[in-house]
Amino acid sequence: MDSTTSEVAVDAAPFLRIYKDGRLERLSGNQIVPPGLDPITNVESKDVLYSKETGQSVRLYIPKNVSSAQKLPLLVYFHGGAFCVETAFSPTYHSYLNSLVAEANVVAVSVDYRRAPEHPIPAAYDDSWAALKWVASHYGGNGPEEWLNCYVNFHKCYLSGDSAGANIAHHIAIKTGKEKLDGVNLVGIVLTHPYFWGKEPVGDETKDPAEREKIEEIWRFASPTTSGSDDPWINPIDDQSLASLGCTKVLVCVAEKDILRHRGWYYCEKLKKSGWGGEAEMMETQGEDHVFHLFEPTCESAVAKLKKVAAFMNQDI
């Protein structure tokens, strides 16, 4: 056997490894579950192609007793995974979206996007924007997907995501603010444990060179042509475009033990000072780490977070 079959060329654990023979091994997020009626929440889901060009799909969710007589807010969700693992169809995200849709009584579109390293940055952003444009095509009830035509109040749209997905949600909200997508009135965004970084530490962020380099390495893996940790894709906080954020409400969720915690606080502070003019609020969960709510969805802290996010999307309704 050729020794190169087991020799690691790039070790991006805990996400993936690339071997010298070119083989790619994703270390998590490989399972998928089918859509359908969830017996616990009575939320129904189905998968729909949004791009013939790339072959990418979304998973749609509608809550129990949905009716065209009372249209519901829309949530467009972007999964996390450092831009290189997980999908919209994994058990983790399927379970979370079922729970969130039931709690918030919203229609949800969970976006699957092309992942690095096969499709480096900016593919994830391009796909996510294409998905939002596909969603917007249903405004007026003339789109290809009946659930969106019948059940969505397009005047009350939200974006959300965790980790890399929160990063995507931010950038899509900026693009929405600059390009004014017809059919989508973006009210707010929810950024959970957002994957932002930078060359210089902020607040009490770790100053350990090895820890900082590890995070930058993972980013470089997703974006090989990046300029580094101050690339506006991964460090949009000091970018002058913050004031262009295309919504009026922002909820940033952080976790006390998460290495990315300080970036979430910094983002919120800079947003408030940017001239944006909307309302931004923070939720910090004590004693928890990065995306804890996905790994322990029934713990007290995860339930409290779920209720907070649901309430955020139901203000002024």
C-alpha atoms as a PDB file:
ATOM      1  CA  MET A   1       0.000   0.000   0.000  1.00  0.00           C
ATOM      2  CA  ASP A   2       1.232   3.484  -0.864  1.00  0.00           C
ATOM      3  CA  SER A   3       2.152   5.250   2.364  1.00  0.00           C
ATOM      4  CA  THR A   4       0.654   8.502   1.073  1.00  0.00           C
ATOM      5  CA  THR A   5      -2.853   7.079   1.501  1.00  0.00           C
ATOM      6  CA  SER A   6      -2.565   7.538   5.255  1.00  0.00           C
ATOM      7  CA  GLU A   7      -0.250  10.539   5.424  1.00  0.00           C
ATOM      8  CA  VAL A   8      -1.995  13.754   6.392  1.00  0.00           C
ATOM      9  CA  ALA A   9      -1.265  16.770   4.213  1.00  0.00           C
ATOM     10  CA  VAL A  10      -3.616  19.206   5.978  1.00  0.00           C
ATOM     11  CA  ASP A  11      -5.009  18.639   9.457  1.00  0.00           C
ATOM     12  CA  ALA A  12      -7.986  20.911  10.094  1.00  0.00           C
ATOM     13  CA  ALA A  13      -9.374  18.897  13.015  1.00  0.00           C
ATOM     14  CA  PRO A  14     -12.006  18.854  14.424  1.00  0.00           C
ATOM     15  CA  PHE A  15     -13.475  19.642  11.002  1.00  0.00           C
ATOM     16  CA  LEU A  16     -11.569  17.639   8.408  1.00  0.00           C
ATOM     17  CA  ARG A  17      -8.312  16.214   7.144  1.00  0.00           C
ATOM     18  CA  ILE A  18      -6.795  16.082   3.685  1.00  0.00           C
ATOM     19  CA  TYR A  19      -4.387  13.259   2.904  1.00  0.00           C
ATOM     20  CA  LYS A  20      -1.408  13.387   0.588  1.00  0.00           C
ATOM     21  CA  ASP A  21      -3.195  11.191  -1.949  1.00  0.00           C
ATOM     22  CA  GLY A  22      -5.897  13.884  -2.244  1.00  0.00           C
ATOM     23  CA  ARG A  23      -8.476  12.077  -0.139  1.00  0.00           C
ATOM     24  CA  LEU A  24     -10.740  14.322   1.938  1.00  0.00           C
ATOM     25  CA  GLU A  25     -12.118  13.149   5.281  1.00  0.00           C
ATOM     26  CA  ARG A  26     -14.807  15.218   6.984  1.00  0.00           C
ATOM     27  CA  LEU A  27     -14.756  14.484  10.698  1.00  0.00           C
ATOM     28  CA  SER A  28     -18.280  15.612  11.528  1.00  0.00           C
ATOM     29  CA  GLY A  29     -21.601  16.592   9.992  1.00  0.00           C
ATOM     30  CA  ASN A  30     -21.722  13.688   7.547  1.00  0.00           C
ATOM     31  CA  GLN A  31     -25.097  12.227   8.507  1.00  0.00           C
ATOM     32  CA  ILE A  32     -28.275  13.327   6.777  1.00  0.00           C
ATOM     33  CA  VAL A  33     -31.898  12.756   7.706  1.00  0.00           C
ATOM     34  CA  PRO A  34     -34.896  12.944   5.370  1.00  0.00           C
ATOM     35  CA  PRO A  35     -37.501  15.698   5.588  1.00  0.00           C
ATOM     36  CA  GLY A  36     -41.082  14.966   6.609  1.00  0.00           C
ATOM     37  CA  LEU A  37     -43.483  15.352   9.511  1.00  0.00           C
ATOM     38  CA  ASP A  38     -41.664  15.565  12.844  1.00  0.00           C
ATOM     39  CA  PRO A  39     -43.673  13.573  15.420  1.00  0.00           C
ATOM     40  CA  ILE A  40     -42.417  15.610  18.367  1.00  0.00           C
ATOM     41  CA  THR A  41     -43.127  19.139  17.109  1.00  0.00           C
ATOM     42  CA  ASN A  42     -45.611  18.422  14.276  1.00  0.00           C
ATOM     43  CA  VAL A  43     -43.448  20.603  12.060  1.00  0.00           C
ATOM     44  CA  GLU A  44     -43.425  19.504   8.425  1.00  0.00           C
ATOM     45  CA  SER A  45     -40.434  19.832   6.116  1.00  0.00           C
ATOM     46  CA  LYS A  46     -39.407  19.189   2.525  1.00  0.00           C
ATOM     47  CA  ASP A  47     -36.377  19.762   0.300  1.00  0.00           C
ATOM     48  CA  VAL A  48     -36.520  22.019  -2.756  1.00  0.00           C
ATOM     49  CA  LEU A  49     -33.873  22.866  -5.347  1.00  0.00           C
ATOM     50  CA  TYR A  50     -33.064  26.577  -5.406  1.00  0.00           C
ATOM     51  CA  SER A  51     -30.242  26.541  -7.955  1.00  0.00           C
ATOM     52  CA  LYS A  52     -30.156  24.352 -11.041  1.00  0.00           C
ATOM     53  CA  GLU A  53     -26.718  25.771 -11.791  1.00  0.00           C
ATOM     54  CA  THR A  54     -25.080  24.456  -8.600  1.00  0.00           C
ATOM     55  CA  GLY A  55     -27.588  21.741  -7.681  1.00  0.00           C
ATOM     56  CA  GLN A  56     -28.069  23.209  -4.200  1.00  0.00           C
ATOM     57  CA  SER A  57     -31.292  22.839  -2.208  1.00  0.00           C
ATOM     58  CA  VAL A  58     -33.038  24.319   0.794  1.00  0.00           C
ATOM     59  CA  ARG A  59     -35.029  22.524   3.452  1.00  0.00           C
ATOM     60  CA  LEU A  60     -38.373  24.235   4.066  1.00  0.00           C
ATOM     61  CA  TYR A  61     -40.236  24.019   7.377  1.00  0.00           C
ATOM     62  CA  ILE A  62     -43.835  24.914   8.252  1.00  0.00           C
ATOM     63  CA  PRO A  63     -45.385  24.723  11.728  1.00  0.00           C
ATOM     64  CA  LYS A  64     -48.504  22.863  12.787  1.00  0.00           C
ATOM     65  CA  ASN A  65     -51.848  24.359  11.755  1.00  0.00           C
ATOM     66  CA  VAL A  66     -50.298  26.799   9.281  1.00  0.00           C
ATOM     67  CA  SER A  67     -52.905  28.681   7.260  1.00  0.00           C
ATOM     68  CA  SER A  68     -52.863  30.953   4.233  1.00  0.00           C
ATOM     69  CA  ALA A  69     -55.388  33.114   6.077  1.00  0.00           C
ATOM     70  CA  GLN A  70     -52.725  34.143   8.609  1.00  0.00           C
ATOM     71  CA  LYS A  71     -49.331  34.383   6.981  1.00  0.00           C
ATOM     72  CA  LEU A  72     -46.270  33.918   9.156  1.00  0.00           C
ATOM     73  CA  PRO A  73     -42.836  35.537   9.552  1.00  0.00           C
ATOM     74  CA  LEU A  74     -40.042  33.963   7.520  1.00  0.00           C
ATOM     75  CA  LEU A  75     -36.690  32.795   8.857  1.00  0.00           C
ATOM     76  CA  VAL A  76     -33.831  32.085   6.446  1.00  0.00           C
ATOM     77  CA  TYR A  77     -31.214  30.025   8.281  1.00  0.00           C
ATOM     78  CA  PHE A  78     -27.548  29.339   7.442  1.00  0.00           C
ATOM     79  CA  HIS A  79     -25.849  26.379   9.145  1.00  0.00           C
ATOM     80  CA  GLY A  80     -22.408  26.539  10.747  1.00  0.00           C
ATOM     81  CA  GLY A  81     -19.362  24.301  10.391  1.00  0.00           C
ATOM     82  CA  ALA A  82     -16.373  26.567   9.582  1.00  0.00           C
ATOM     83  CA  PHE A  83     -17.586  26.716   5.944  1.00  0.00           C
ATOM     84  CA  CYS A  84     -16.393  23.132   5.452  1.00  0.00           C
ATOM     85  CA  VAL A  85     -18.580  20.664   7.390  1.00  0.00           C
ATOM     86  CA  GLU A  86     -22.273  20.107   8.194  1.00  0.00           C
ATOM     87  CA  THR A  87     -25.288  20.549   5.921  1.00  0.00           C
ATOM     88  CA  ALA A  88     -28.845  21.800   6.141  1.00  0.00           C
ATOM     89  CA  PHE A  89     -29.922  18.152   6.176  1.00  0.00           C
ATOM     90  CA  SER A  90     -27.927  16.875   9.154  1.00  0.00           C
ATOM     91  CA  PRO A  91     -29.716  15.531  12.253  1.00  0.00           C
ATOM     92  CA  THR A  92     -28.300  18.431  14.257  1.00  0.00           C
ATOM     93  CA  TYR A  93     -29.792  21.189  12.119  1.00  0.00           C
ATOM     94  CA  HIS A  94     -32.963  19.317  11.238  1.00  0.00           C
ATOM     95  CA  SER A  95     -33.750  18.904  14.940  1.00  0.00           C
ATOM     96  CA  TYR A  96     -32.891  22.517  15.760  1.00  0.00           C
ATOM     97  CA  LEU A  97     -35.030  23.956  12.959  1.00  0.00           C
ATOM     98  CA  ASN A  98     -37.973  21.750  13.923  1.00  0.00           C
ATOM     99  CA  SER A  99     -37.774  23.045  17.488  1.00  0.00           C
ATOM    100  CA  LEU A 100     -37.304  26.688  16.505  1.00  0.00           C
ATOM    101  CA  VAL A 101     -40.133  26.681  13.955  1.00  0.00           C
ATOM    102  CA  ALA A 102     -42.489  25.134  16.511  1.00  0.00           C
ATOM    103  CA  GLU A 103     -41.500  27.574  19.259  1.00  0.00           C
ATOM    104  CA  ALA A 104     -41.547  30.720  17.105  1.00  0.00           C
ATOM    105  CA  ASN A 105     -44.430  29.741  14.783  1.00  0.00           C
ATOM    106  CA  VAL A 106     -42.555  30.841  11.680  1.00  0.00           C
ATOM    107  CA  VAL A 107     -41.863  29.409   8.244  1.00  0.00           C
ATOM    108  CA  ALA A 108     -38.173  28.553   7.833  1.00  0.00           C
ATOM    109  CA  VAL A 109     -35.832  28.083   4.894  1.00  0.00           C
ATOM    110  CA  SER A 110     -32.639  26.261   5.883  1.00  0.00           C
ATOM    111  CA  VAL A 111     -30.008  26.897   3.217  1.00  0.00           C
ATOM    112  CA  ASP A 112     -27.519  24.308   2.036  1.00  0.00           C
ATOM    113  CA  TYR A 113     -24.464  25.897   0.423  1.00  0.00           C
ATOM    114  CA  ARG A 114     -21.320  24.614  -1.242  1.00  0.00           C
ATOM    115  CA  ARG A 115     -18.488  23.973   1.199  1.00  0.00           C
ATOM    116  CA  ALA A 116     -14.746  24.419   1.290  1.00  0.00           C
ATOM    117  CA  PRO A 117     -12.232  23.163   0.334  1.00  0.00           C
ATOM    118  CA  GLU A 118     -13.879  21.913  -2.866  1.00  0.00           C
ATOM    119  CA  HIS A 119     -15.674  25.254  -3.170  1.00  0.00           C
ATOM    120  CA  PRO A 120     -13.662  27.927  -1.341  1.00  0.00           C
ATOM    121  CA  ILE A 121     -14.928  31.304  -0.186  1.00  0.00           C
ATOM    122  CA  PRO A 122     -16.874  33.136  -1.578  1.00  0.00           C
ATOM    123  CA  ALA A 123     -18.977  30.163  -2.796  1.00  0.00           C
ATOM    124  CA  ALA A 124     -20.903  29.941   0.496  1.00  0.00           C
ATOM    125  CA  TYR A 125     -21.866  33.618   0.278  1.00  0.00           C
ATOM    126  CA  ASP A 126     -22.777  33.371  -3.406  1.00  0.00           C
ATOM    127  CA  ASP A 127     -25.038  30.377  -2.760  1.00  0.00           C
ATOM    128  CA  SER A 128     -26.667  32.018   0.252  1.00  0.00           C
ATOM    129  CA  TRP A 129     -27.457  35.149  -1.758  1.00  0.00           C
ATOM    130  CA  ALA A 130     -28.844  32.999  -4.593  1.00  0.00           C
ATOM    131  CA  ALA A 131     -31.061  31.221  -2.062  1.00  0.00           C
ATOM    132  CA  LEU A 132     -32.387  34.506  -0.702  1.00  0.00           C
ATOM    133  CA  LYS A 133     -33.113  35.731  -4.233  1.00  0.00           C
ATOM    134  CA  TRP A 134     -34.986  32.472  -4.871  1.00  0.00           C
ATOM    135  CA  VAL A 135     -37.010  33.061  -1.697  1.00  0.00           C
ATOM    136  CA  ALA A 136     -37.756  36.631  -2.799  1.00  0.00           C
ATOM    137  CA  SER A 137     -39.126  35.362  -6.117  1.00  0.00           C
ATOM    138  CA  HIS A 138     -42.170  34.114  -4.178  1.00  0.00           C
ATOM    139  CA  TYR A 139     -43.246  37.621  -3.185  1.00  0.00           C
ATOM    140  CA  GLY A 140     -46.684  38.183  -4.658  1.00  0.00           C
ATOM    141  CA  GLY A 141     -47.472  34.469  -4.621  1.00  0.00           C
ATOM    142  CA  ASN A 142     -46.000  33.618  -8.015  1.00  0.00           C
ATOM    143  CA  GLY A 143     -42.933  31.611  -7.069  1.00  0.00           C
ATOM    144  CA  PRO A 144     -42.242  27.936  -7.793  1.00  0.00           C
ATOM    145  CA  GLU A 145     -42.795  26.713  -4.208  1.00  0.00           C
ATOM    146  CA  GLU A 146     -46.352  26.691  -2.885  1.00  0.00           C
ATOM    147  CA  TRP A 147     -45.459  26.782   0.808  1.00  0.00           C
ATOM    148  CA  LEU A 148     -43.677  30.102   0.364  1.00  0.00           C
ATOM    149  CA  ASN A 149     -46.424  31.484  -1.873  1.00  0.00           C
ATOM    150  CA  CYS A 150     -49.183  30.603   0.582  1.00  0.00           C
ATOM    151  CA  TYR A 151     -47.819  30.915   4.105  1.00  0.00           C
ATOM    152  CA  VAL A 152     -45.148  33.634   4.245  1.00  0.00           C
ATOM    153  CA  ASN A 153     -45.517  37.266   5.267  1.00  0.00           C
ATOM    154  CA  PHE A 154     -42.658  38.774   3.275  1.00  0.00           C
ATOM    155  CA  HIS A 155     -42.886  41.992   5.268  1.00  0.00           C
ATOM    156  CA  LYS A 156     -41.458  40.119   8.275  1.00  0.00           C
ATOM    157  CA  CYS A 157     -38.273  38.334   7.206  1.00  0.00           C
ATOM    158  CA  TYR A 158     -35.353  37.328   9.412  1.00  0.00           C
ATOM    159  CA  LEU A 159     -31.900  35.876   8.811  1.00  0.00           C
ATOM    160  CA  SER A 160     -30.029  33.717  11.288  1.00  0.00           C
ATOM    161  CA  GLY A 161     -27.153  31.290  11.599  1.00  0.00           C
ATOM    162  CA  ASP A 162     -24.609  29.912  14.010  1.00  0.00           C
ATOM    163  CA  SER A 163     -20.829  30.250  13.827  1.00  0.00           C
ATOM    164  CA  ALA A 164     -19.937  30.377  10.097  1.00  0.00           C
ATOM    165  CA  GLY A 165     -23.671  30.627   9.393  1.00  0.00           C
ATOM    166  CA  ALA A 166     -23.891  33.739  11.576  1.00  0.00           C
ATOM    167  CA  ASN A 167     -21.006  35.197   9.574  1.00  0.00           C
ATOM    168  CA  ILE A 168     -22.992  34.485   6.398  1.00  0.00           C
ATOM    169  CA  ALA A 169     -26.165  36.024   7.854  1.00  0.00           C
ATOM    170  CA  HIS A 170     -24.258  39.252   8.577  1.00  0.00           C
ATOM    171  CA  HIS A 171     -22.829  39.512   5.067  1.00  0.00           C
ATOM    172  CA  ILE A 172     -26.163  38.723   3.419  1.00  0.00           C
ATOM    173  CA  ALA A 173     -27.804  41.423   5.567  1.00  0.00           C
ATOM    174  CA  ILE A 174     -25.148  43.915   4.431  1.00  0.00           C
ATOM    175  CA  LYS A 175     -25.740  42.953   0.801  1.00  0.00           C
ATOM    176  CA  THR A 176     -29.501  43.284   1.311  1.00  0.00           C
ATOM    177  CA  GLY A 177     -28.991  46.772   2.712  1.00  0.00           C
ATOM    178  CA  LYS A 178     -26.889  47.832  -0.257  1.00  0.00           C
ATOM    179  CA  GLU A 179     -28.805  46.135  -3.077  1.00  0.00           C
ATOM    180  CA  LYS A 180     -32.433  46.253  -1.792  1.00  0.00           C
ATOM    181  CA  LEU A 181     -33.766  42.870  -2.776  1.00  0.00           C
ATOM    182  CA  ASP A 182     -37.346  43.285  -4.007  1.00  0.00           C
ATOM    183  CA  GLY A 183     -39.817  41.126  -2.126  1.00  0.00           C
ATOM    184  CA  VAL A 184     -37.848  40.808   1.105  1.00  0.00           C
ATOM    185  CA  ASN A 185     -38.374  43.201   3.994  1.00  0.00           C
ATOM    186  CA  LEU A 186     -35.571  42.188   6.324  1.00  0.00           C
ATOM    187  CA  VAL A 187     -36.646  43.072   9.858  1.00  0.00           C
ATOM    188  CA  GLY A 188     -33.836  41.514  11.835  1.00  0.00           C
ATOM    189  CA  ILE A 189     -30.945  39.083  12.109  1.00  0.00           C
ATOM    190  CA  VAL A 190     -29.926  36.668  14.863  1.00  0.00           C
ATOM    191  CA  LEU A 191     -26.197  35.940  15.044  1.00  0.00           C
ATOM    192  CA  THR A 192     -25.413  32.962  17.278  1.00  0.00           C
ATOM    193  CA  HIS A 193     -21.772  32.598  18.340  1.00  0.00           C
ATOM    194  CA  PRO A 194     -20.655  34.386  15.157  1.00  0.00           C
ATOM    195  CA  TYR A 195     -17.450  33.261  13.481  1.00  0.00           C
ATOM    196  CA  PHE A 196     -15.592  36.570  13.242  1.00  0.00           C
ATOM    197  CA  TRP A 197     -11.883  37.027  13.901  1.00  0.00           C
ATOM    198  CA  GLY A 198      -9.071  39.536  13.479  1.00  0.00           C
ATOM    199  CA  LYS A 199      -5.318  39.888  13.666  1.00  0.00           C
ATOM    200  CA  GLU A 200      -5.370  41.940  16.864  1.00  0.00           C
ATOM    201  CA  PRO A 201      -7.181  40.698  20.004  1.00  0.00           C
ATOM    202  CA  VAL A 202     -10.265  42.579  21.186  1.00  0.00           C
ATOM    203  CA  GLY A 203     -11.462  42.846  24.774  1.00  0.00           C
ATOM    204  CA  ASP A 204     -10.209  39.917  26.849  1.00  0.00           C
ATOM    205  CA  GLU A 205      -9.819  37.701  23.787  1.00  0.00           C
ATOM    206  CA  THR A 206      -7.005  35.162  23.946  1.00  0.00           C
ATOM    207  CA  LYS A 207      -3.549  36.512  23.143  1.00  0.00           C
ATOM    208  CA  ASP A 208      -2.023  33.038  22.870  1.00  0.00           C
ATOM    209  CA  PRO A 209      -0.243  32.948  19.471  1.00  0.00           C
ATOM    210  CA  ALA A 210      -0.933  29.224  18.939  1.00  0.00           C
ATOM    211  CA  GLU A 211      -4.667  29.580  19.589  1.00  0.00           C
ATOM    212  CA  ARG A 212      -4.953  32.600  17.345  1.00  0.00           C
ATOM    213  CA  GLU A 213      -2.958  30.924  14.595  1.00  0.00           C
ATOM    214  CA  LYS A 214      -5.186  27.835  14.754  1.00  0.00           C
ATOM    215  CA  ILE A 215      -8.306  29.906  14.084  1.00  0.00           C
ATOM    216  CA  GLU A 216      -6.579  31.732  11.231  1.00  0.00           C
ATOM    217  CA  GLU A 217      -5.444  28.414   9.737  1.00  0.00           C
ATOM    218  CA  ILE A 218      -9.013  27.134   9.667  1.00  0.00           C
ATOM    219  CA  TRP A 219     -10.090  30.347   7.936  1.00  0.00           C
ATOM    220  CA  ARG A 220      -7.258  30.049   5.393  1.00  0.00           C
ATOM    221  CA  PHE A 221      -8.409  26.514   4.703  1.00  0.00           C
ATOM    222  CA  ALA A 222     -11.853  27.827   3.716  1.00  0.00           C
ATOM    223  CA  SER A 223     -10.397  30.823   1.872  1.00  0.00           C
ATOM    224  CA  PRO A 224      -6.950  29.987   0.409  1.00  0.00           C
ATOM    225  CA  THR A 225      -6.575  33.380  -1.274  1.00  0.00           C
ATOM    226  CA  THR A 226      -7.405  35.366   1.871  1.00  0.00           C
ATOM    227  CA  SER A 227      -5.295  38.279   3.044  1.00  0.00           C
ATOM    228  CA  GLY A 228      -5.489  36.797   6.570  1.00  0.00           C
ATOM    229  CA  SER A 229      -7.476  37.401   9.761  1.00  0.00           C
ATOM    230  CA  ASP A 230      -8.330  40.982   8.799  1.00  0.00           C
ATOM    231  CA  ASP A 231      -9.955  39.892   5.539  1.00  0.00           C
ATOM    232  CA  PRO A 232     -13.373  41.659   5.565  1.00  0.00           C
ATOM    233  CA  TRP A 233     -15.134  38.288   5.126  1.00  0.00           C
ATOM    234  CA  ILE A 234     -13.873  37.072   8.514  1.00  0.00           C
ATOM    235  CA  ASN A 235     -13.342  40.489  10.138  1.00  0.00           C
ATOM    236  CA  PRO A 236     -16.172  42.730   8.934  1.00  0.00           C
ATOM    237  CA  ILE A 237     -16.378  44.604  12.220  1.00  0.00           C
ATOM    238  CA  ASP A 238     -13.955  47.397  11.360  1.00  0.00           C
ATOM    239  CA  ASP A 239     -15.386  47.695   7.860  1.00  0.00           C
ATOM    240  CA  GLN A 240     -17.114  50.993   7.097  1.00  0.00           C
ATOM    241  CA  SER A 241     -20.126  49.116   5.680  1.00  0.00           C
ATOM    242  CA  LEU A 242     -21.583  48.192   9.099  1.00  0.00           C
ATOM    243  CA  ALA A 243     -23.926  51.168   8.842  1.00  0.00           C
ATOM    244  CA  SER A 244     -25.400  49.585   5.691  1.00  0.00           C
ATOM    245  CA  LEU A 245     -26.823  46.598   7.559  1.00  0.00           C
ATOM    246  CA  GLY A 246     -30.176  46.030   5.875  1.00  0.00           C
ATOM    247  CA  CYS A 247     -32.384  45.479   8.921  1.00  0.00           C
ATOM    248  CA  THR A 248     -33.624  47.357  11.978  1.00  0.00           C
ATOM    249  CA  LYS A 249     -33.021  44.776  14.727  1.00  0.00           C
ATOM    250  CA  VAL A 250     -30.068  42.570  15.658  1.00  0.00           C
ATOM    251  CA  LEU A 251     -29.705  39.921  18.349  1.00  0.00           C
ATOM    252  CA  VAL A 252     -26.179  38.644  18.996  1.00  0.00           C
ATOM    253  CA  CYS A 253     -25.874  35.500  21.136  1.00  0.00           C
ATOM    254  CA  VAL A 254     -22.581  34.540  22.762  1.00  0.00           C
ATOM    255  CA  ALA A 255     -21.452  31.880  25.236  1.00  0.00           C
ATOM    256  CA  GLU A 256     -19.180  32.541  28.200  1.00  0.00           C
ATOM    257  CA  LYS A 257     -16.633  29.810  27.428  1.00  0.00           C
ATOM    258  CA  ASP A 258     -16.545  30.362  23.660  1.00  0.00           C
ATOM    259  CA  ILE A 259     -13.236  31.678  22.291  1.00  0.00           C
ATOM    260  CA  LEU A 260     -15.305  33.773  19.842  1.00  0.00           C
ATOM    261  CA  ARG A 261     -17.337  35.403  22.638  1.00  0.00           C
ATOM    262  CA  HIS A 262     -15.471  38.717  22.662  1.00  0.00           C
ATOM    263  CA  ARG A 263     -15.934  39.155  18.897  1.00  0.00           C
ATOM    264  CA  GLY A 264     -19.701  38.995  19.383  1.00  0.00           C
ATOM    265  CA  TRP A 265     -19.597  41.743  22.011  1.00  0.00           C
ATOM    266  CA  TYR A 266     -17.224  43.813  19.875  1.00  0.00           C
ATOM    267  CA  TYR A 267     -19.510  43.452  16.847  1.00  0.00           C
ATOM    268  CA  CYS A 268     -22.497  44.710  18.823  1.00  0.00           C
ATOM    269  CA  GLU A 269     -20.562  47.659  20.242  1.00  0.00           C
ATOM    270  CA  LYS A 270     -19.181  48.713  16.857  1.00  0.00           C
ATOM    271  CA  LEU A 271     -22.588  48.309  15.206  1.00  0.00           C
ATOM    272  CA  LYS A 272     -24.186  50.670  17.708  1.00  0.00           C
ATOM    273  CA  LYS A 273     -21.492  53.283  16.986  1.00  0.00           C
ATOM    274  CA  SER A 274     -21.566  52.872  13.199  1.00  0.00           C
ATOM    275  CA  GLY A 275     -24.495  55.167  12.438  1.00  0.00           C
ATOM    276  CA  TRP A 276     -26.651  52.186  11.502  1.00  0.00           C
ATOM    277  CA  GLY A 277     -29.610  53.428  13.539  1.00  0.00           C
ATOM    278  CA  GLY A 278     -31.273  50.136  14.465  1.00  0.00           C
ATOM    279  CA  GLU A 279     -31.566  48.317  17.800  1.00  0.00           C
ATOM    280  CA  ALA A 280     -28.923  45.760  18.761  1.00  0.00           C
ATOM    281  CA  GLU A 281     -29.049  43.535  21.814  1.00  0.00           C
ATOM    282  CA  MET A 282     -26.851  40.848  23.351  1.00  0.00           C
ATOM    283  CA  MET A 283     -27.608  37.526  25.003  1.00  0.00           C
ATOM    284  CA  GLU A 284     -24.745  35.850  26.852  1.00  0.00           C
ATOM    285  CA  THR A 285     -25.163  32.333  28.198  1.00  0.00           C
ATOM    286  CA  GLN A 286     -23.090  31.609  31.282  1.00  0.00           C
ATOM    287  CA  GLY A 287     -21.107  28.417  31.691  1.00  0.00           C
ATOM    288  CA  GLU A 288     -21.504  27.253  28.089  1.00  0.00           C
ATOM    289  CA  ASP A 289     -19.240  26.878  25.048  1.00  0.00           C
ATOM    290  CA  HIS A 290     -19.511  27.272  21.295  1.00  0.00           C
ATOM    291  CA  VAL A 291     -22.871  26.137  19.802  1.00  0.00           C
ATOM    292  CA  PHE A 292     -23.786  24.299  23.020  1.00  0.00           C
ATOM    293  CA  HIS A 293     -27.475  24.580  22.099  1.00  0.00           C
ATOM    294  CA  LEU A 294     -26.955  22.241  19.139  1.00  0.00           C
ATOM    295  CA  PHE A 295     -25.206  19.561  21.197  1.00  0.00           C
ATOM    296  CA  GLU A 296     -27.467  19.777  24.255  1.00  0.00           C
ATOM    297  CA  PRO A 297     -30.760  21.135  22.900  1.00  0.00           C
ATOM    298  CA  THR A 298     -32.846  20.185  25.943  1.00  0.00           C
ATOM    299  CA  CYS A 299     -30.596  21.727  28.608  1.00  0.00           C
ATOM    300  CA  GLU A 300     -31.949  24.705  30.513  1.00  0.00           C
ATOM    301  CA  SER A 301     -29.644  27.194  28.792  1.00  0.00           C
ATOM    302  CA  ALA A 302     -30.523  25.925  25.298  1.00  0.00           C
ATOM    303  CA  VAL A 303     -34.257  26.123  26.027  1.00  0.00           C
ATOM    304  CA  ALA A 304     -33.843  29.693  27.316  1.00  0.00           C
ATOM    305  CA  LYS A 305     -31.903  30.636  24.185  1.00  0.00           C
ATOM    306  CA  LEU A 306     -34.543  29.075  21.931  1.00  0.00           C
ATOM    307  CA  LYS A 307     -37.291  31.058  23.653  1.00  0.00           C
ATOM    308  CA  LYS A 308     -35.274  34.292  23.366  1.00  0.00           C
ATOM    309  CA  VAL A 309     -34.747  33.844  19.626  1.00  0.00           C
ATOM    310  CA  ALA A 310     -38.423  32.953  19.108  1.00  0.00           C
ATOM    311  CA  ALA A 311     -39.505  36.041  21.064  1.00  0.00           C
ATOM    312  CA  PHE A 312     -37.153  38.226  19.015  1.00  0.00           C
ATOM    313  CA  MET A 313     -38.912  37.130  15.808  1.00  0.00           C
ATOM    314  CA  ASN A 314     -42.342  37.719  17.282  1.00  0.00           C
ATOM    315  CA  GLN A 315     -41.914  41.260  18.572  1.00  0.00           C
ATOM    316  CA  ASP A 316     -44.440  43.709  17.169  1.00  0.00           C
ATOM    317  CA  ILE A 317     -46.586  40.904  15.722  1.00  0.00           C
END
